Amino acid sequence: MLRLASVLVPAICVVLLGCSPTRVESEHLGSSVAIERAIMRHHERYASEGNCFNPYIDGFTRLTVLEDTPDRLVVHARYFYRDRFRSGGGDDGTSTGLCSGFGERTFTLEPGPERGEVVVAMTGQQDEPAMRTLLRGILPG
């Protein structure tokens, strides 16, 4: 039992420190919360992560501002992703780990209408997630 604890305690510390909250500081584009929300929304709509059906960012581990001008904000994001259907996860925090992991991408945001932030570019794999392709084939219109 002591041996198990000596492995679990450091692993839990790494996870907790790796997923500590991080903030985006921008002089020109809104609050950190709004910027993070725009990145998460864009990732969920367009990103592919391996063979995940519907990947989403579950949390950021690091956000680094690469450029901050009145016309655009470029942010390098490291994050933990899950899949709503394949990770086995729910609101109870359980996960089978089938489709979850850490990723990183660079996002470019520009000011949108009515002071909203709009992601206009994202690096990395951007195929339509498989679940959306399947649903598009099943549902009319």
Protein backbone atom coordinates (compact mmCIF):
# COMPACT_ATOMS: atom_id res chain seq x y z
CA MET A 1 0.00 0.00 0.00
CA LEU A 2 2.84 2.38 0.82
CA ARG A 3 4.45 1.61 -2.54
CA LEU A 4 1.20 2.47 -4.34
CA ALA A 5 0.96 5.77 -2.44
CA SER A 6 4.56 6.63 -3.37
CA VAL A 7 3.57 6.37 -7.05
CA LEU A 8 0.13 8.00 -6.85
CA VAL A 9 1.05 11.10 -4.84
CA PRO A 10 3.70 12.38 -7.32
CA ALA A 11 1.42 11.55 -10.28
CA ILE A 12 -1.45 13.52 -8.75
CA CYS A 13 0.87 16.49 -8.08
CA VAL A 14 2.04 16.51 -11.71
CA VAL A 15 -1.56 16.48 -12.96
CA LEU A 16 -2.63 19.25 -10.59
CA LEU A 17 0.35 21.47 -11.37
CA GLY A 18 0.10 20.79 -15.11
CA CYS A 19 -3.56 21.82 -15.18
CA SER A 20 -3.34 24.90 -13.01
CA PRO A 21 -5.30 27.89 -14.29
CA THR A 22 -3.55 30.13 -16.75
CA ARG A 23 -4.64 33.49 -18.14
CA VAL A 24 -4.27 35.30 -21.43
CA GLU A 25 -3.27 38.91 -20.96
CA SER A 26 -4.24 41.12 -23.91
CA GLU A 27 -4.22 44.90 -23.97
CA HIS A 28 -6.48 44.98 -27.02
CA LEU A 29 -8.84 41.99 -27.13
CA GLY A 30 -11.22 41.53 -24.20
CA SER A 31 -10.99 39.43 -21.09
CA SER A 32 -9.07 36.22 -20.62
CA VAL A 33 -12.33 34.31 -20.13
CA ALA A 34 -13.76 35.55 -23.45
CA ILE A 35 -10.55 34.73 -25.32
CA GLU A 36 -10.37 31.22 -23.82
CA ARG A 37 -14.03 30.63 -24.67
CA ALA A 38 -13.45 31.70 -28.30
CA ILE A 39 -10.48 29.33 -28.58
CA MET A 40 -12.43 26.43 -27.05
CA ARG A 41 -15.43 27.04 -29.31
CA HIS A 42 -13.27 27.18 -32.46
CA HIS A 43 -11.35 24.04 -31.45
CA GLU A 44 -14.56 22.10 -30.85
CA ARG A 45 -16.00 23.13 -34.23
CA TYR A 46 -12.96 22.54 -36.44
CA ALA A 47 -10.17 20.57 -34.75
CA SER A 48 -9.41 16.89 -35.06
CA GLU A 49 -7.46 15.05 -32.39
CA GLY A 50 -6.38 11.58 -33.53
CA ASN A 51 -9.41 9.37 -34.05
CA CYS A 52 -11.71 11.25 -31.67
CA PHE A 53 -15.33 11.67 -32.75
CA ASN A 54 -16.01 15.01 -31.04
CA PRO A 55 -12.92 16.46 -29.32
CA TYR A 56 -13.13 19.46 -27.01
CA ILE A 57 -10.67 21.33 -24.80
CA ASP A 58 -11.27 20.34 -21.20
CA GLY A 59 -8.72 22.77 -19.79
CA PHE A 60 -5.64 24.81 -20.62
CA THR A 61 -2.25 23.98 -19.16
CA ARG A 62 -0.45 26.97 -20.67
CA LEU A 63 -1.41 29.98 -22.79
CA THR A 64 1.38 32.08 -24.27
CA VAL A 65 0.73 35.35 -26.08
CA LEU A 66 2.94 35.49 -29.18
CA GLU A 67 1.53 38.73 -30.63
CA ASP A 68 -0.88 41.32 -29.25
CA THR A 69 -1.83 44.21 -31.53
CA PRO A 70 -5.11 46.12 -31.93
CA ASP A 71 -5.87 44.06 -35.05
CA ARG A 72 -4.99 40.56 -33.87
CA LEU A 73 -3.94 38.34 -31.01
CA VAL A 74 -1.83 35.22 -31.55
CA VAL A 75 -1.86 32.68 -28.70
CA HIS A 76 0.01 29.40 -28.37
CA ALA A 77 -2.16 27.07 -26.28
CA ARG A 78 -1.30 23.82 -24.53
CA TYR A 79 -4.41 21.97 -23.38
CA PHE A 80 -6.00 18.75 -22.25
CA TYR A 81 -8.65 17.40 -24.62
CA ARG A 82 -11.36 14.78 -24.30
CA ASP A 83 -14.00 13.37 -26.57
CA ARG A 84 -17.66 13.61 -25.58
CA PHE A 85 -18.34 10.11 -26.92
CA ARG A 86 -15.10 8.12 -26.74
CA SER A 87 -13.42 9.22 -23.51
CA GLY A 88 -16.15 7.60 -21.45
CA GLY A 89 -16.27 10.83 -19.53
CA GLY A 90 -19.27 12.53 -18.15
CA ASP A 91 -19.99 15.20 -15.65
CA ASP A 92 -18.88 12.85 -12.91
CA GLY A 93 -15.23 13.16 -14.04
CA THR A 94 -14.78 9.53 -15.03
CA SER A 95 -12.83 8.62 -18.14
CA THR A 96 -11.72 5.43 -19.86
CA GLY A 97 -8.97 7.37 -21.65
CA LEU A 98 -9.93 6.06 -25.10
CA CYS A 99 -9.73 9.51 -26.59
CA SER A 100 -8.10 12.03 -24.31
CA GLY A 101 -4.69 13.59 -24.08
CA PHE A 102 -2.62 16.73 -24.26
CA GLY A 103 -2.29 18.88 -27.35
CA GLU A 104 -0.99 22.22 -28.47
CA ARG A 105 -1.88 24.64 -31.25
CA THR A 106 -1.49 28.27 -32.17
CA PHE A 107 -4.67 30.33 -32.52
CA THR A 108 -5.06 33.71 -34.21
CA LEU A 109 -7.92 35.90 -33.00
CA GLU A 110 -9.26 39.16 -34.36
CA PRO A 111 -11.83 41.57 -32.97
CA GLY A 112 -15.30 40.59 -34.12
CA PRO A 113 -18.57 42.45 -34.32
CA GLU A 114 -19.71 44.06 -31.09
CA ARG A 115 -16.34 43.61 -29.36
CA GLY A 116 -16.44 39.81 -29.52
CA GLU A 117 -13.30 37.79 -30.21
CA VAL A 118 -13.25 35.65 -33.36
CA VAL A 119 -10.69 32.93 -34.04
CA VAL A 120 -9.63 33.25 -37.67
CA ALA A 121 -6.85 30.65 -37.81
CA MET A 122 -5.68 27.55 -35.95
CA THR A 123 -2.70 25.29 -36.55
CA GLY A 124 -2.87 21.50 -36.47
CA GLN A 125 -5.17 18.86 -37.91
CA GLN A 126 -8.52 20.34 -38.93
CA ASP A 127 -10.55 17.60 -40.56
CA GLU A 128 -14.24 17.58 -39.84
CA PRO A 129 -14.68 15.40 -36.73
CA ALA A 130 -16.03 11.95 -37.59
CA MET A 131 -19.23 12.33 -35.55
CA ARG A 132 -20.27 15.40 -37.50
CA THR A 133 -19.60 13.62 -40.79
CA LEU A 134 -21.70 10.66 -39.62
CA LEU A 135 -24.56 12.86 -38.42
CA ARG A 136 -24.49 14.86 -41.64
CA GLY A 137 -24.98 11.61 -43.59
CA ILE A 138 -27.85 10.42 -41.38
CA LEU A 139 -29.83 13.63 -40.89
CA PRO A 140 -31.54 15.36 -43.82
CA GLY A 141 -30.49 18.89 -44.77
